[in-house]
Amino acid sequence: MDLKQAAVEVLTPLGYEVLELTVSTSGRKRRVLLRIDRLDEAVVTVEDVARASEVFGLELDRLDPFEGPYQLEVESPGAQRPLITARHFERFHDLLVKFRAGGESLTGRVLRVEDGAVTFLVDGEERTFPVEDIEQARLAEWPDKPR
């Protein structure tokens, strides 16, 4: 069962984008961490987190994916915001991003996004990677005002 897909199915119609869903185990207890954003790109509020938590919690209850207890945590993207789509990179243009592509771990400033590829300034050199080749990316700095 794909829990991320289950989250997408119940939260997208409510106006939320599922950025990340991870399940980790500590002892006998599981932790389900869900990071969401708003599809309208407005700031995620406490009310948004509460609503997503309630709706996805009910879906988890319905699916009953774990034998033992689990803890659901729903968060806004925050400073560790994952960047997944071309639009994410466009939205955070000019900011530093830590990313992994082509087997390298890099930090670069987003210069532009064109034709499904992102160009970064890495150590004074422009480097371009197709979005689908970027294995993982997170903001390395936070914008002065919400984007």
N, C-alpha and C. Protein backbone atom coordinates (compact mmCIF):
# COMPACT_ATOMS: atom_id res chain seq x y z
N MET A 1 0.84 -1.17 0.00
CA MET A 1 0.00 0.00 0.00
C MET A 1 0.90 1.25 0.00
N ASP A 2 0.63 2.17 -0.90
CA ASP A 2 1.40 3.39 -1.02
C ASP A 2 0.73 4.50 -0.21
N LEU A 3 1.28 4.77 0.97
CA LEU A 3 0.67 5.77 1.85
C LEU A 3 0.76 7.17 1.26
N LYS A 4 1.84 7.47 0.53
CA LYS A 4 1.94 8.80 -0.07
C LYS A 4 0.82 9.00 -1.08
N GLN A 5 0.55 8.00 -1.89
CA GLN A 5 -0.55 8.10 -2.85
C GLN A 5 -1.89 8.25 -2.13
N ALA A 6 -2.06 7.56 -1.04
CA ALA A 6 -3.30 7.69 -0.26
C ALA A 6 -3.44 9.12 0.25
N ALA A 7 -2.33 9.71 0.72
CA ALA A 7 -2.36 11.09 1.19
C ALA A 7 -2.70 12.04 0.05
N VAL A 8 -2.10 11.82 -1.11
CA VAL A 8 -2.38 12.66 -2.29
C VAL A 8 -3.86 12.60 -2.63
N GLU A 9 -4.42 11.40 -2.62
CA GLU A 9 -5.82 11.22 -3.02
C GLU A 9 -6.80 11.94 -2.09
N VAL A 10 -6.51 12.00 -0.79
CA VAL A 10 -7.46 12.65 0.12
C VAL A 10 -7.15 14.13 0.35
N LEU A 11 -5.89 14.55 0.15
CA LEU A 11 -5.53 15.93 0.46
C LEU A 11 -5.53 16.88 -0.74
N THR A 12 -5.26 16.37 -1.93
CA THR A 12 -5.26 17.23 -3.12
C THR A 12 -6.62 17.89 -3.34
N PRO A 13 -7.74 17.17 -3.23
CA PRO A 13 -9.03 17.84 -3.41
C PRO A 13 -9.30 18.95 -2.39
N LEU A 14 -8.58 18.92 -1.27
CA LEU A 14 -8.74 19.96 -0.25
C LEU A 14 -7.80 21.14 -0.48
N GLY A 15 -6.98 21.06 -1.53
CA GLY A 15 -6.09 22.16 -1.85
C GLY A 15 -4.68 22.03 -1.32
N TYR A 16 -4.27 20.81 -0.95
CA TYR A 16 -2.93 20.60 -0.41
C TYR A 16 -2.07 19.77 -1.35
N GLU A 17 -0.79 20.08 -1.37
CA GLU A 17 0.19 19.31 -2.10
C GLU A 17 0.97 18.48 -1.09
N VAL A 18 1.09 17.20 -1.34
CA VAL A 18 1.87 16.32 -0.48
C VAL A 18 3.32 16.38 -0.96
N LEU A 19 4.18 16.96 -0.13
CA LEU A 19 5.59 17.09 -0.49
C LEU A 19 6.40 15.87 -0.10
N GLU A 20 6.08 15.33 1.06
CA GLU A 20 6.86 14.22 1.60
C GLU A 20 6.01 13.40 2.53
N LEU A 21 6.23 12.11 2.52
CA LEU A 21 5.64 11.23 3.52
C LEU A 21 6.68 10.18 3.84
N THR A 22 7.10 10.15 5.08
CA THR A 22 8.07 9.15 5.51
C THR A 22 7.53 8.39 6.71
N VAL A 23 7.90 7.13 6.78
CA VAL A 23 7.54 6.29 7.92
C VAL A 23 8.84 5.81 8.53
N SER A 24 9.02 6.07 9.81
CA SER A 24 10.20 5.59 10.51
C SER A 24 9.76 4.83 11.76
N THR A 25 10.65 4.01 12.27
CA THR A 25 10.33 3.20 13.43
C THR A 25 11.33 3.46 14.54
N SER A 26 10.81 3.64 15.74
CA SER A 26 11.64 3.78 16.92
C SER A 26 11.09 2.79 17.95
N GLY A 27 11.83 1.74 18.18
CA GLY A 27 11.32 0.69 19.06
C GLY A 27 10.15 0.00 18.38
N ARG A 28 9.02 -0.04 19.06
CA ARG A 28 7.83 -0.67 18.48
C ARG A 28 6.87 0.36 17.89
N LYS A 29 7.19 1.64 18.02
CA LYS A 29 6.28 2.68 17.56
C LYS A 29 6.73 3.27 16.23
N ARG A 30 5.78 3.43 15.36
CA ARG A 30 6.06 4.04 14.06
C ARG A 30 5.72 5.53 14.10
N ARG A 31 6.48 6.28 13.32
CA ARG A 31 6.23 7.71 13.16
C ARG A 31 5.95 7.96 11.68
N VAL A 32 4.82 8.56 11.40
CA VAL A 32 4.44 8.92 10.04
C VAL A 32 4.57 10.44 9.96
N LEU A 33 5.51 10.91 9.13
CA LEU A 33 5.73 12.34 8.96
C LEU A 33 5.22 12.75 7.59
N LEU A 34 4.31 13.69 7.57
CA LEU A 34 3.70 14.19 6.34
C LEU A 34 3.98 15.68 6.24
N ARG A 35 4.64 16.10 5.15
CA ARG A 35 4.89 17.52 4.90
C ARG A 35 3.98 17.96 3.76
N ILE A 36 3.25 19.04 4.00
CA ILE A 36 2.30 19.53 3.00
C ILE A 36 2.59 20.98 2.64
N ASP A 37 2.09 21.37 1.49
CA ASP A 37 2.08 22.77 1.07
C ASP A 37 0.69 23.04 0.54
N ARG A 38 0.41 24.29 0.30
CA ARG A 38 -0.89 24.65 -0.28
C ARG A 38 -0.73 24.75 -1.79
N LEU A 39 -1.70 24.24 -2.52
CA LEU A 39 -1.66 24.30 -3.98
C LEU A 39 -1.72 25.73 -4.49
N ASP A 40 -2.34 26.62 -3.72
CA ASP A 40 -2.41 28.03 -4.14
C ASP A 40 -1.15 28.81 -3.75
N GLU A 41 -0.17 28.12 -3.18
CA GLU A 41 1.13 28.66 -2.78
C GLU A 41 1.06 29.70 -1.67
N ALA A 42 -0.08 29.78 -0.98
CA ALA A 42 -0.18 30.63 0.20
C ALA A 42 0.57 29.95 1.36
N VAL A 43 0.79 30.70 2.41
CA VAL A 43 1.47 30.17 3.59
C VAL A 43 0.60 29.11 4.26
N VAL A 44 1.21 27.99 4.63
CA VAL A 44 0.50 26.93 5.35
C VAL A 44 0.26 27.41 6.77
N THR A 45 -0.99 27.39 7.18
CA THR A 45 -1.38 27.86 8.51
C THR A 45 -1.53 26.69 9.48
N VAL A 46 -1.68 27.02 10.74
CA VAL A 46 -1.94 26.01 11.76
C VAL A 46 -3.25 25.28 11.44
N GLU A 47 -4.22 26.04 10.94
CA GLU A 47 -5.50 25.44 10.57
C GLU A 47 -5.34 24.43 9.43
N ASP A 48 -4.46 24.76 8.47
CA ASP A 48 -4.19 23.82 7.37
C ASP A 48 -3.59 22.52 7.91
N VAL A 49 -2.62 22.65 8.80
CA VAL A 49 -1.97 21.48 9.38
C VAL A 49 -3.00 20.64 10.15
N ALA A 50 -3.86 21.30 10.92
CA ALA A 50 -4.88 20.58 11.69
C ALA A 50 -5.86 19.86 10.76
N ARG A 51 -6.28 20.53 9.70
CA ARG A 51 -7.23 19.94 8.77
C ARG A 51 -6.61 18.73 8.05
N ALA A 52 -5.39 18.90 7.56
CA ALA A 52 -4.71 17.79 6.87
C ALA A 52 -4.48 16.62 7.82
N SER A 53 -4.13 16.93 9.05
CA SER A 53 -3.89 15.89 10.05
C SER A 53 -5.18 15.11 10.32
N GLU A 54 -6.27 15.82 10.47
CA GLU A 54 -7.55 15.15 10.74
C GLU A 54 -7.97 14.27 9.56
N VAL A 55 -7.91 14.82 8.35
CA VAL A 55 -8.37 14.08 7.17
C VAL A 55 -7.47 12.88 6.89
N PHE A 56 -6.15 13.08 6.93
CA PHE A 56 -5.26 11.96 6.64
C PHE A 56 -5.28 10.96 7.79
N GLY A 57 -5.45 11.43 9.03
CA GLY A 57 -5.58 10.51 10.17
C GLY A 57 -6.77 9.59 10.00
N LEU A 58 -7.88 10.12 9.53
CA LEU A 58 -9.07 9.29 9.27
C LEU A 58 -8.79 8.28 8.16
N GLU A 59 -8.05 8.71 7.14
CA GLU A 59 -7.69 7.78 6.05
C GLU A 59 -6.78 6.67 6.56
N LEU A 60 -5.82 7.02 7.42
CA LEU A 60 -4.96 5.99 8.01
C LEU A 60 -5.79 5.02 8.86
N ASP A 61 -6.74 5.55 9.60
CA ASP A 61 -7.62 4.67 10.39
C ASP A 61 -8.38 3.71 9.48
N ARG A 62 -8.85 4.22 8.34
CA ARG A 62 -9.60 3.39 7.40
C ARG A 62 -8.69 2.32 6.78
N LEU A 63 -7.47 2.73 6.39
CA LEU A 63 -6.54 1.80 5.73
C LEU A 63 -5.92 0.81 6.71
N ASP A 64 -5.73 1.25 7.95
CA ASP A 64 -5.13 0.43 9.01
C ASP A 64 -3.84 -0.25 8.54
N PRO A 65 -2.82 0.57 8.13
CA PRO A 65 -1.62 0.00 7.52
C PRO A 65 -0.60 -0.60 8.48
N PHE A 66 -0.76 -0.35 9.78
CA PHE A 66 0.24 -0.82 10.75
C PHE A 66 -0.41 -1.72 11.78
N GLU A 67 0.36 -2.72 12.22
CA GLU A 67 -0.15 -3.62 13.25
C GLU A 67 -0.15 -2.96 14.62
N GLY A 68 0.88 -2.18 14.90
CA GLY A 68 1.00 -1.56 16.22
C GLY A 68 0.65 -0.08 16.18
N PRO A 69 0.96 0.61 17.28
CA PRO A 69 0.66 2.03 17.35
C PRO A 69 1.57 2.85 16.42
N TYR A 70 1.09 4.02 16.05
CA TYR A 70 1.88 4.94 15.25
C TYR A 70 1.54 6.37 15.66
N GLN A 71 2.42 7.27 15.32
CA GLN A 71 2.21 8.68 15.62
C GLN A 71 2.23 9.43 14.29
N LEU A 72 1.17 10.17 13.99
CA LEU A 72 1.09 10.97 12.77
C LEU A 72 1.52 12.39 13.10
N GLU A 73 2.48 12.90 12.33
CA GLU A 73 2.92 14.28 12.45
C GLU A 73 2.76 14.94 11.09
N VAL A 74 2.03 16.04 11.05
CA VAL A 74 1.84 16.80 9.82
C VAL A 74 2.52 18.14 10.01
N GLU A 75 3.32 18.53 9.01
CA GLU A 75 4.10 19.76 9.11
C GLU A 75 3.98 20.57 7.83
N SER A 76 4.19 21.89 7.99
CA SER A 76 4.41 22.73 6.82
C SER A 76 5.83 22.46 6.35
N PRO A 77 6.18 22.86 5.14
CA PRO A 77 7.51 22.53 4.62
C PRO A 77 8.66 23.08 5.45
N GLY A 78 8.54 24.31 5.94
CA GLY A 78 9.58 24.89 6.78
C GLY A 78 10.91 25.02 6.08
N ALA A 79 11.93 25.17 6.87
CA ALA A 79 13.27 25.44 6.35
C ALA A 79 13.86 24.25 5.60
N GLN A 80 13.35 23.07 5.82
CA GLN A 80 13.85 21.88 5.12
C GLN A 80 12.98 21.53 3.92
N ARG A 81 12.36 22.55 3.33
CA ARG A 81 11.43 22.35 2.22
C ARG A 81 12.05 21.52 1.09
N PRO A 82 11.41 20.40 0.74
CA PRO A 82 11.88 19.65 -0.42
C PRO A 82 11.43 20.34 -1.70
N LEU A 83 12.28 20.30 -2.71
CA LEU A 83 11.94 20.83 -4.03
C LEU A 83 11.87 19.63 -4.97
N ILE A 84 10.72 19.45 -5.60
CA ILE A 84 10.48 18.24 -6.37
C ILE A 84 10.17 18.56 -7.83
N THR A 85 9.32 19.56 -8.05
CA THR A 85 8.86 19.88 -9.40
C THR A 85 9.56 21.12 -9.94
N ALA A 86 9.45 21.31 -11.25
CA ALA A 86 10.01 22.51 -11.86
C ALA A 86 9.42 23.76 -11.22
N ARG A 87 8.14 23.74 -10.92
CA ARG A 87 7.50 24.89 -10.29
C ARG A 87 8.11 25.20 -8.93
N HIS A 88 8.49 24.20 -8.16
CA HIS A 88 9.14 24.44 -6.87
C HIS A 88 10.43 25.23 -7.07
N PHE A 89 11.23 24.84 -8.07
CA PHE A 89 12.49 25.54 -8.32
C PHE A 89 12.22 26.97 -8.82
N GLU A 90 11.22 27.13 -9.68
CA GLU A 90 10.85 28.48 -10.15
C GLU A 90 10.45 29.36 -8.98
N ARG A 91 9.66 28.82 -8.10
CA ARG A 91 9.14 29.57 -6.96
C ARG A 91 10.26 30.07 -6.05
N PHE A 92 11.35 29.30 -5.95
CA PHE A 92 12.45 29.66 -5.06
C PHE A 92 13.70 30.08 -5.83
N HIS A 93 13.47 30.66 -6.99
CA HIS A 93 14.52 31.22 -7.84
C HIS A 93 15.40 32.15 -7.00
N ASP A 94 16.69 32.15 -7.24
CA ASP A 94 17.69 32.99 -6.57
C ASP A 94 18.06 32.53 -5.16
N LEU A 95 17.51 31.43 -4.68
CA LEU A 95 17.86 30.94 -3.35
C LEU A 95 18.83 29.76 -3.47
N LEU A 96 19.58 29.55 -2.39
CA LEU A 96 20.50 28.41 -2.33
C LEU A 96 19.73 27.12 -2.07
N VAL A 97 20.18 26.08 -2.75
CA VAL A 97 19.55 24.76 -2.63
C VAL A 97 20.64 23.72 -2.45
N LYS A 98 20.44 22.82 -1.51
CA LYS A 98 21.31 21.64 -1.39
C LYS A 98 20.61 20.55 -2.17
N PHE A 99 21.37 19.92 -3.09
CA PHE A 99 20.74 18.91 -3.91
C PHE A 99 21.72 17.80 -4.27
N ARG A 100 21.12 16.70 -4.73
CA ARG A 100 21.91 15.55 -5.16
C ARG A 100 21.49 15.22 -6.58
N ALA A 101 22.49 15.17 -7.47
CA ALA A 101 22.23 14.83 -8.88
C ALA A 101 23.48 14.21 -9.47
N GLY A 102 23.29 13.21 -10.30
CA GLY A 102 24.42 12.56 -10.95
C GLY A 102 25.45 12.01 -9.99
N GLY A 103 24.99 11.57 -8.82
CA GLY A 103 25.90 11.00 -7.83
C GLY A 103 26.68 12.02 -7.03
N GLU A 104 26.41 13.31 -7.26
CA GLU A 104 27.11 14.38 -6.52
C GLU A 104 26.16 15.06 -5.54
N SER A 105 26.69 15.46 -4.40
CA SER A 105 25.96 16.32 -3.47
C SER A 105 26.48 17.73 -3.66
N LEU A 106 25.58 18.65 -3.98
CA LEU A 106 25.97 20.01 -4.35
C LEU A 106 25.13 21.04 -3.63
N THR A 107 25.64 22.27 -3.58
CA THR A 107 24.87 23.42 -3.12
C THR A 107 25.00 24.48 -4.20
N GLY A 108 23.87 24.99 -4.65
CA GLY A 108 23.91 26.00 -5.70
C GLY A 108 22.72 26.93 -5.62
N ARG A 109 22.86 28.07 -6.25
CA ARG A 109 21.79 29.07 -6.32
C ARG A 109 20.98 28.80 -7.58
N VAL A 110 19.65 28.77 -7.46
CA VAL A 110 18.78 28.54 -8.61
C VAL A 110 18.83 29.79 -9.50
N LEU A 111 19.31 29.62 -10.72
CA LEU A 111 19.39 30.73 -11.67
C LEU A 111 18.16 30.80 -12.57
N ARG A 112 17.77 29.64 -13.12
CA ARG A 112 16.61 29.62 -14.01
C ARG A 112 16.09 28.19 -14.16
N VAL A 113 14.85 28.13 -14.63
CA VAL A 113 14.21 26.85 -14.92
C VAL A 113 13.63 26.98 -16.33
N GLU A 114 14.09 26.13 -17.22
CA GLU A 114 13.63 26.15 -18.61
C GLU A 114 13.51 24.73 -19.13
N ASP A 115 12.42 24.48 -19.84
CA ASP A 115 12.23 23.19 -20.51
C ASP A 115 12.49 21.99 -19.60
N GLY A 116 12.00 22.07 -18.36
CA GLY A 116 12.13 20.94 -17.44
C GLY A 116 13.51 20.74 -16.87
N ALA A 117 14.38 21.76 -16.98
CA ALA A 117 15.73 21.66 -16.42
C ALA A 117 16.00 22.87 -15.54
N VAL A 118 16.81 22.66 -14.51
CA VAL A 118 17.16 23.72 -13.57
C VAL A 118 18.63 24.05 -13.74
N THR A 119 18.92 25.35 -13.85
CA THR A 119 20.31 25.79 -13.91
C THR A 119 20.66 26.41 -12.57
N PHE A 120 21.75 25.92 -11.98
CA PHE A 120 22.25 26.39 -10.70
C PHE A 120 23.59 27.07 -10.91
N LEU A 121 23.92 27.98 -10.00
CA LEU A 121 25.27 28.52 -9.93
C LEU A 121 25.95 27.76 -8.80
N VAL A 122 26.90 26.90 -9.16
CA VAL A 122 27.61 26.05 -8.19
C VAL A 122 29.09 26.41 -8.26
N ASP A 123 29.62 26.94 -7.17
CA ASP A 123 31.04 27.31 -7.11
C ASP A 123 31.45 28.18 -8.30
N GLY A 124 30.60 29.15 -8.64
CA GLY A 124 30.92 30.08 -9.71
C GLY A 124 30.67 29.56 -11.11
N GLU A 125 30.18 28.34 -11.24
CA GLU A 125 29.94 27.71 -12.54
C GLU A 125 28.46 27.38 -12.70
N GLU A 126 27.91 27.67 -13.89
CA GLU A 126 26.53 27.30 -14.16
C GLU A 126 26.46 25.81 -14.50
N ARG A 127 25.56 25.12 -13.82
CA ARG A 127 25.35 23.69 -14.07
C ARG A 127 23.86 23.44 -14.22
N THR A 128 23.50 22.71 -15.26
CA THR A 128 22.10 22.46 -15.56
C THR A 128 21.79 20.97 -15.43
N PHE A 129 20.65 20.70 -14.77
CA PHE A 129 20.21 19.32 -14.57
C PHE A 129 18.73 19.22 -14.90
N PRO A 130 18.31 18.19 -15.64
CA PRO A 130 16.88 17.95 -15.81
C PRO A 130 16.25 17.68 -14.44
N VAL A 131 15.06 18.20 -14.23
CA VAL A 131 14.39 18.02 -12.93
C VAL A 131 14.31 16.55 -12.56
N GLU A 132 14.02 15.68 -13.53
CA GLU A 132 13.88 14.25 -13.21
C GLU A 132 15.19 13.61 -12.80
N ASP A 133 16.34 14.26 -13.08
CA ASP A 133 17.64 13.73 -12.67
C ASP A 133 18.09 14.24 -11.31
N ILE A 134 17.32 15.16 -10.72
CA ILE A 134 17.66 15.67 -9.39
C ILE A 134 17.05 14.70 -8.38
N GLU A 135 17.93 13.96 -7.72
CA GLU A 135 17.49 12.89 -6.83
C GLU A 135 16.83 13.43 -5.56
N GLN A 136 17.37 14.53 -5.05
CA GLN A 136 16.84 15.13 -3.83
C GLN A 136 17.28 16.58 -3.82
N ALA A 137 16.40 17.46 -3.35
CA ALA A 137 16.74 18.89 -3.25
C ALA A 137 15.96 19.51 -2.11
N ARG A 138 16.65 20.35 -1.35
CA ARG A 138 16.03 21.08 -0.24
C ARG A 138 16.58 22.49 -0.21
N LEU A 139 15.75 23.42 0.24
CA LEU A 139 16.23 24.79 0.40
C LEU A 139 17.38 24.81 1.39
N ALA A 140 18.40 25.61 1.08
CA ALA A 140 19.53 25.79 1.99
C ALA A 140 19.47 27.15 2.66
N GLU A 141 18.53 27.98 2.23
CA GLU A 141 18.27 29.28 2.88
C GLU A 141 16.80 29.58 2.71
N TRP A 142 16.30 30.44 3.56
CA TRP A 142 14.89 30.76 3.57
C TRP A 142 14.68 32.15 3.00
N PRO A 143 13.63 32.36 2.18
CA PRO A 143 13.40 33.69 1.62
C PRO A 143 13.00 34.70 2.69
N ASP A 144 13.26 35.98 2.40
CA ASP A 144 12.92 37.06 3.33
C ASP A 144 11.42 37.14 3.58
N LYS A 145 10.65 36.89 2.54
CA LYS A 145 9.18 36.88 2.69
C LYS A 145 8.63 35.62 2.04
N PRO A 146 7.47 35.17 2.47
CA PRO A 146 6.90 33.93 1.94
C PRO A 146 6.75 33.98 0.42
N ARG A 147 7.00 32.84 -0.21
CA ARG A 147 6.82 32.70 -1.65
C ARG A 147 5.90 31.54 -1.93
